[in-house]
């Protein structure tokens, strides 16, 4: 996620929000024919745990958890419950 220039103090909150939105779709990639558009019809999902570790200060207007020179600024993990209709 890349944001307009904002106060650097907002970066951790924006990164936490953005990373919480994307991991379910990544987990679904190996499942042929299933993607996030099926949420609520093919399956239901719920995030049970979302953790983010900040390694150094960063800006969100550069986008990503890596700086432009490749330095890791944050790591994140998520536990999710997927329940398929059939």
N, C-alpha and C. Protein backbone atom coordinates (compact mmCIF):
# COMPACT_ATOMS: atom_id res chain seq x y z
N UNK A 1 0.85 -1.17 0.00
CA UNK A 1 0.00 0.00 0.00
C UNK A 1 0.88 1.22 0.00
N UNK A 2 0.56 2.15 -0.82
CA UNK A 2 1.28 3.41 -0.85
C UNK A 2 0.26 4.51 -0.55
N UNK A 3 0.60 5.39 0.37
CA UNK A 3 -0.31 6.46 0.76
C UNK A 3 0.25 7.80 0.28
N UNK A 4 -0.57 8.84 0.29
CA UNK A 4 -0.01 10.17 0.10
C UNK A 4 0.94 10.47 1.26
N UNK A 5 1.76 11.47 1.13
CA UNK A 5 2.67 11.84 2.23
C UNK A 5 1.85 12.15 3.48
N UNK A 6 2.18 11.48 4.57
CA UNK A 6 1.50 11.69 5.86
C UNK A 6 2.56 11.79 6.94
N UNK A 7 2.14 12.18 8.11
CA UNK A 7 3.04 12.25 9.25
C UNK A 7 3.62 10.86 9.50
N UNK A 8 4.95 10.71 9.61
CA UNK A 8 5.56 9.40 9.83
C UNK A 8 5.03 8.67 11.06
N UNK A 9 4.48 9.40 12.05
CA UNK A 9 3.93 8.75 13.23
C UNK A 9 2.69 7.90 12.89
N UNK A 10 2.06 8.15 11.75
CA UNK A 10 0.90 7.35 11.33
C UNK A 10 1.30 6.06 10.63
N UNK A 11 2.55 5.92 10.23
CA UNK A 11 3.00 4.76 9.45
C UNK A 11 2.67 3.43 10.11
N UNK A 12 2.94 3.22 11.39
CA UNK A 12 2.60 1.92 11.99
C UNK A 12 1.11 1.59 11.93
N UNK A 13 0.25 2.55 12.18
CA UNK A 13 -1.19 2.30 12.13
C UNK A 13 -1.64 2.00 10.71
N UNK A 14 -1.14 2.72 9.73
CA UNK A 14 -1.50 2.48 8.34
C UNK A 14 -1.00 1.12 7.87
N UNK A 15 0.20 0.75 8.27
CA UNK A 15 0.75 -0.56 7.88
C UNK A 15 -0.05 -1.69 8.52
N UNK A 16 -0.44 -1.53 9.78
CA UNK A 16 -1.24 -2.57 10.45
C UNK A 16 -2.58 -2.74 9.73
N UNK A 17 -3.21 -1.64 9.36
CA UNK A 17 -4.49 -1.71 8.65
C UNK A 17 -4.32 -2.38 7.29
N UNK A 18 -3.32 -1.98 6.54
CA UNK A 18 -3.12 -2.50 5.18
C UNK A 18 -2.77 -3.98 5.19
N UNK A 19 -1.93 -4.43 6.11
CA UNK A 19 -1.53 -5.83 6.11
C UNK A 19 -2.65 -6.74 6.59
N UNK A 20 -3.59 -6.22 7.34
CA UNK A 20 -4.71 -7.03 7.80
C UNK A 20 -5.67 -7.36 6.66
N UNK A 21 -5.64 -6.58 5.59
CA UNK A 21 -6.58 -6.76 4.49
C UNK A 21 -6.15 -7.79 3.44
N UNK A 22 -4.88 -8.13 3.40
CA UNK A 22 -4.37 -8.82 2.22
C UNK A 22 -4.01 -10.29 2.40
N UNK A 23 -3.83 -10.77 3.60
CA UNK A 23 -3.27 -12.10 3.76
C UNK A 23 -4.23 -13.24 3.45
N UNK A 24 -5.52 -13.07 3.63
CA UNK A 24 -6.45 -14.14 3.30
C UNK A 24 -6.36 -14.46 1.81
N UNK A 25 -6.30 -13.44 0.97
CA UNK A 25 -6.17 -13.65 -0.46
C UNK A 25 -4.90 -14.39 -0.82
N UNK A 26 -3.82 -14.10 -0.14
CA UNK A 26 -2.55 -14.79 -0.37
C UNK A 26 -2.67 -16.26 0.01
N UNK A 27 -3.32 -16.55 1.13
CA UNK A 27 -3.48 -17.93 1.57
C UNK A 27 -4.35 -18.75 0.61
N UNK A 28 -5.25 -18.08 -0.09
CA UNK A 28 -6.14 -18.78 -1.02
C UNK A 28 -5.49 -19.09 -2.37
N UNK A 29 -4.37 -18.48 -2.69
CA UNK A 29 -3.75 -18.64 -4.01
C UNK A 29 -3.49 -20.09 -4.41
N UNK A 30 -3.04 -20.97 -3.51
CA UNK A 30 -2.81 -22.36 -3.94
C UNK A 30 -4.08 -23.15 -4.21
N UNK A 31 -5.23 -22.63 -3.81
CA UNK A 31 -6.50 -23.35 -3.98
C UNK A 31 -7.11 -22.99 -5.34
N UNK A 32 -7.09 -23.93 -6.26
CA UNK A 32 -7.58 -23.69 -7.61
C UNK A 32 -9.07 -23.32 -7.58
N UNK A 33 -9.41 -22.23 -8.25
CA UNK A 33 -10.80 -21.81 -8.37
C UNK A 33 -11.36 -21.07 -7.17
N UNK A 34 -10.54 -20.76 -6.17
CA UNK A 34 -11.01 -20.05 -4.98
C UNK A 34 -10.24 -18.74 -4.86
N UNK A 35 -10.95 -17.64 -4.66
CA UNK A 35 -10.30 -16.37 -4.37
C UNK A 35 -11.21 -15.57 -3.44
N UNK A 36 -10.78 -14.38 -3.08
CA UNK A 36 -11.51 -13.59 -2.10
C UNK A 36 -12.92 -13.22 -2.54
N UNK A 37 -13.20 -13.22 -3.84
CA UNK A 37 -14.55 -12.89 -4.30
C UNK A 37 -15.58 -13.91 -3.81
N UNK A 38 -15.12 -15.12 -3.44
CA UNK A 38 -16.04 -16.15 -2.96
C UNK A 38 -16.37 -16.03 -1.49
N UNK A 39 -15.78 -15.07 -0.80
CA UNK A 39 -16.03 -14.93 0.63
C UNK A 39 -17.50 -14.56 0.86
N UNK A 40 -18.16 -15.39 1.63
CA UNK A 40 -19.58 -15.19 1.92
C UNK A 40 -20.47 -16.09 1.08
N UNK A 41 -19.96 -16.64 -0.02
CA UNK A 41 -20.75 -17.55 -0.86
C UNK A 41 -20.09 -18.93 -0.89
N UNK A 42 -18.85 -19.01 -1.31
CA UNK A 42 -18.12 -20.28 -1.36
C UNK A 42 -17.56 -20.62 0.02
N UNK A 43 -17.16 -19.62 0.76
CA UNK A 43 -16.58 -19.82 2.09
C UNK A 43 -16.82 -18.58 2.94
N UNK A 44 -16.64 -18.73 4.23
CA UNK A 44 -16.61 -17.59 5.14
C UNK A 44 -15.24 -17.57 5.79
N UNK A 45 -14.82 -16.40 6.20
CA UNK A 45 -13.49 -16.28 6.80
C UNK A 45 -13.53 -15.32 7.98
N UNK A 46 -12.58 -15.51 8.85
CA UNK A 46 -12.41 -14.61 9.99
C UNK A 46 -10.95 -14.59 10.38
N UNK A 47 -10.44 -13.41 10.63
CA UNK A 47 -9.07 -13.27 11.12
C UNK A 47 -9.11 -13.54 12.62
N UNK A 48 -8.31 -14.50 13.07
CA UNK A 48 -8.29 -14.82 14.49
C UNK A 48 -7.11 -14.19 15.21
N UNK A 49 -6.06 -13.84 14.45
CA UNK A 49 -4.89 -13.20 15.05
C UNK A 49 -4.12 -12.48 13.96
N UNK A 50 -3.73 -11.26 14.22
CA UNK A 50 -2.91 -10.50 13.28
C UNK A 50 -1.80 -9.83 14.09
N UNK A 51 -0.57 -10.11 13.71
CA UNK A 51 0.58 -9.56 14.45
C UNK A 51 1.51 -8.88 13.47
N UNK A 52 2.02 -7.72 13.86
CA UNK A 52 2.98 -7.01 13.03
C UNK A 52 4.14 -6.56 13.92
N UNK A 53 5.35 -6.77 13.43
CA UNK A 53 6.56 -6.37 14.14
C UNK A 53 7.22 -5.25 13.35
N UNK A 54 7.51 -4.15 14.01
CA UNK A 54 8.17 -3.02 13.36
C UNK A 54 9.65 -3.06 13.71
N UNK A 55 10.49 -3.06 12.69
CA UNK A 55 11.94 -3.19 12.89
C UNK A 55 12.65 -1.85 12.91
N UNK A 56 12.09 -0.86 12.24
CA UNK A 56 12.70 0.47 12.18
C UNK A 56 11.66 1.46 11.69
N UNK A 57 11.87 2.74 11.91
CA UNK A 57 10.92 3.75 11.40
C UNK A 57 10.85 3.69 9.87
N UNK A 58 9.69 4.05 9.32
CA UNK A 58 9.50 4.03 7.88
C UNK A 58 8.39 4.99 7.49
N UNK A 59 8.24 5.18 6.20
CA UNK A 59 7.18 6.03 5.66
C UNK A 59 6.27 5.18 4.78
N UNK A 60 4.98 5.47 4.79
CA UNK A 60 4.06 4.70 3.97
C UNK A 60 3.92 5.27 2.56
N UNK A 61 4.42 6.48 2.32
CA UNK A 61 4.31 7.02 0.96
C UNK A 61 5.31 6.36 0.01
N UNK A 62 6.21 5.53 0.55
CA UNK A 62 7.11 4.74 -0.29
C UNK A 62 6.51 3.39 -0.61
N UNK A 63 5.54 2.96 0.16
CA UNK A 63 4.86 1.69 -0.08
C UNK A 63 5.70 0.50 0.30
N UNK A 64 5.08 -0.59 0.78
CA UNK A 64 5.71 -1.87 1.05
C UNK A 64 6.34 -1.94 2.44
N UNK A 65 6.69 -3.16 2.86
CA UNK A 65 7.38 -3.37 4.13
C UNK A 65 8.89 -3.39 3.93
N UNK A 66 9.30 -3.06 2.72
CA UNK A 66 10.72 -2.90 2.40
C UNK A 66 10.93 -1.47 1.93
N UNK A 67 12.04 -0.87 2.31
CA UNK A 67 12.36 0.45 1.78
C UNK A 67 12.85 0.29 0.34
N UNK A 68 13.03 1.40 -0.34
CA UNK A 68 13.48 1.34 -1.73
C UNK A 68 14.84 0.67 -1.88
N UNK A 69 15.68 0.73 -0.81
CA UNK A 69 16.99 0.07 -0.90
C UNK A 69 16.95 -1.38 -0.41
N UNK A 70 15.73 -1.90 -0.11
CA UNK A 70 15.57 -3.30 0.25
C UNK A 70 15.63 -3.59 1.74
N UNK A 71 15.67 -2.58 2.59
CA UNK A 71 15.70 -2.79 4.03
C UNK A 71 14.32 -3.16 4.55
N UNK A 72 14.25 -4.25 5.32
CA UNK A 72 12.98 -4.70 5.90
C UNK A 72 12.60 -3.80 7.06
N UNK A 73 11.41 -3.22 7.00
CA UNK A 73 10.97 -2.32 8.07
C UNK A 73 9.89 -2.94 8.95
N UNK A 74 9.19 -3.96 8.45
CA UNK A 74 8.14 -4.59 9.24
C UNK A 74 7.93 -6.03 8.74
N UNK A 75 7.52 -6.90 9.65
CA UNK A 75 7.14 -8.27 9.33
C UNK A 75 5.75 -8.50 9.89
N UNK A 76 4.96 -9.35 9.24
CA UNK A 76 3.62 -9.59 9.76
C UNK A 76 3.18 -11.01 9.51
N UNK A 77 2.24 -11.45 10.34
CA UNK A 77 1.68 -12.80 10.25
C UNK A 77 0.21 -12.72 10.63
N UNK A 78 -0.53 -13.69 10.14
CA UNK A 78 -1.96 -13.69 10.42
C UNK A 78 -2.46 -15.12 10.52
N UNK A 79 -3.34 -15.38 11.46
CA UNK A 79 -4.06 -16.64 11.55
C UNK A 79 -5.48 -16.37 11.12
N UNK A 80 -6.00 -17.24 10.27
CA UNK A 80 -7.33 -17.02 9.70
C UNK A 80 -8.11 -18.34 9.70
N UNK A 81 -9.37 -18.24 9.97
CA UNK A 81 -10.28 -19.38 9.88
C UNK A 81 -11.00 -19.29 8.55
N UNK A 82 -10.94 -20.37 7.75
CA UNK A 82 -11.70 -20.47 6.51
C UNK A 82 -12.68 -21.62 6.67
N UNK A 83 -13.94 -21.37 6.41
CA UNK A 83 -14.95 -22.42 6.49
C UNK A 83 -15.66 -22.49 5.14
N UNK A 84 -15.48 -23.63 4.44
CA UNK A 84 -16.06 -23.80 3.12
C UNK A 84 -17.49 -24.30 3.23
N UNK A 85 -18.35 -23.89 2.29
CA UNK A 85 -19.77 -24.21 2.31
C UNK A 85 -20.05 -25.71 2.23
N UNK A 86 -19.26 -26.45 1.48
CA UNK A 86 -19.56 -27.88 1.35
C UNK A 86 -18.52 -28.75 2.03
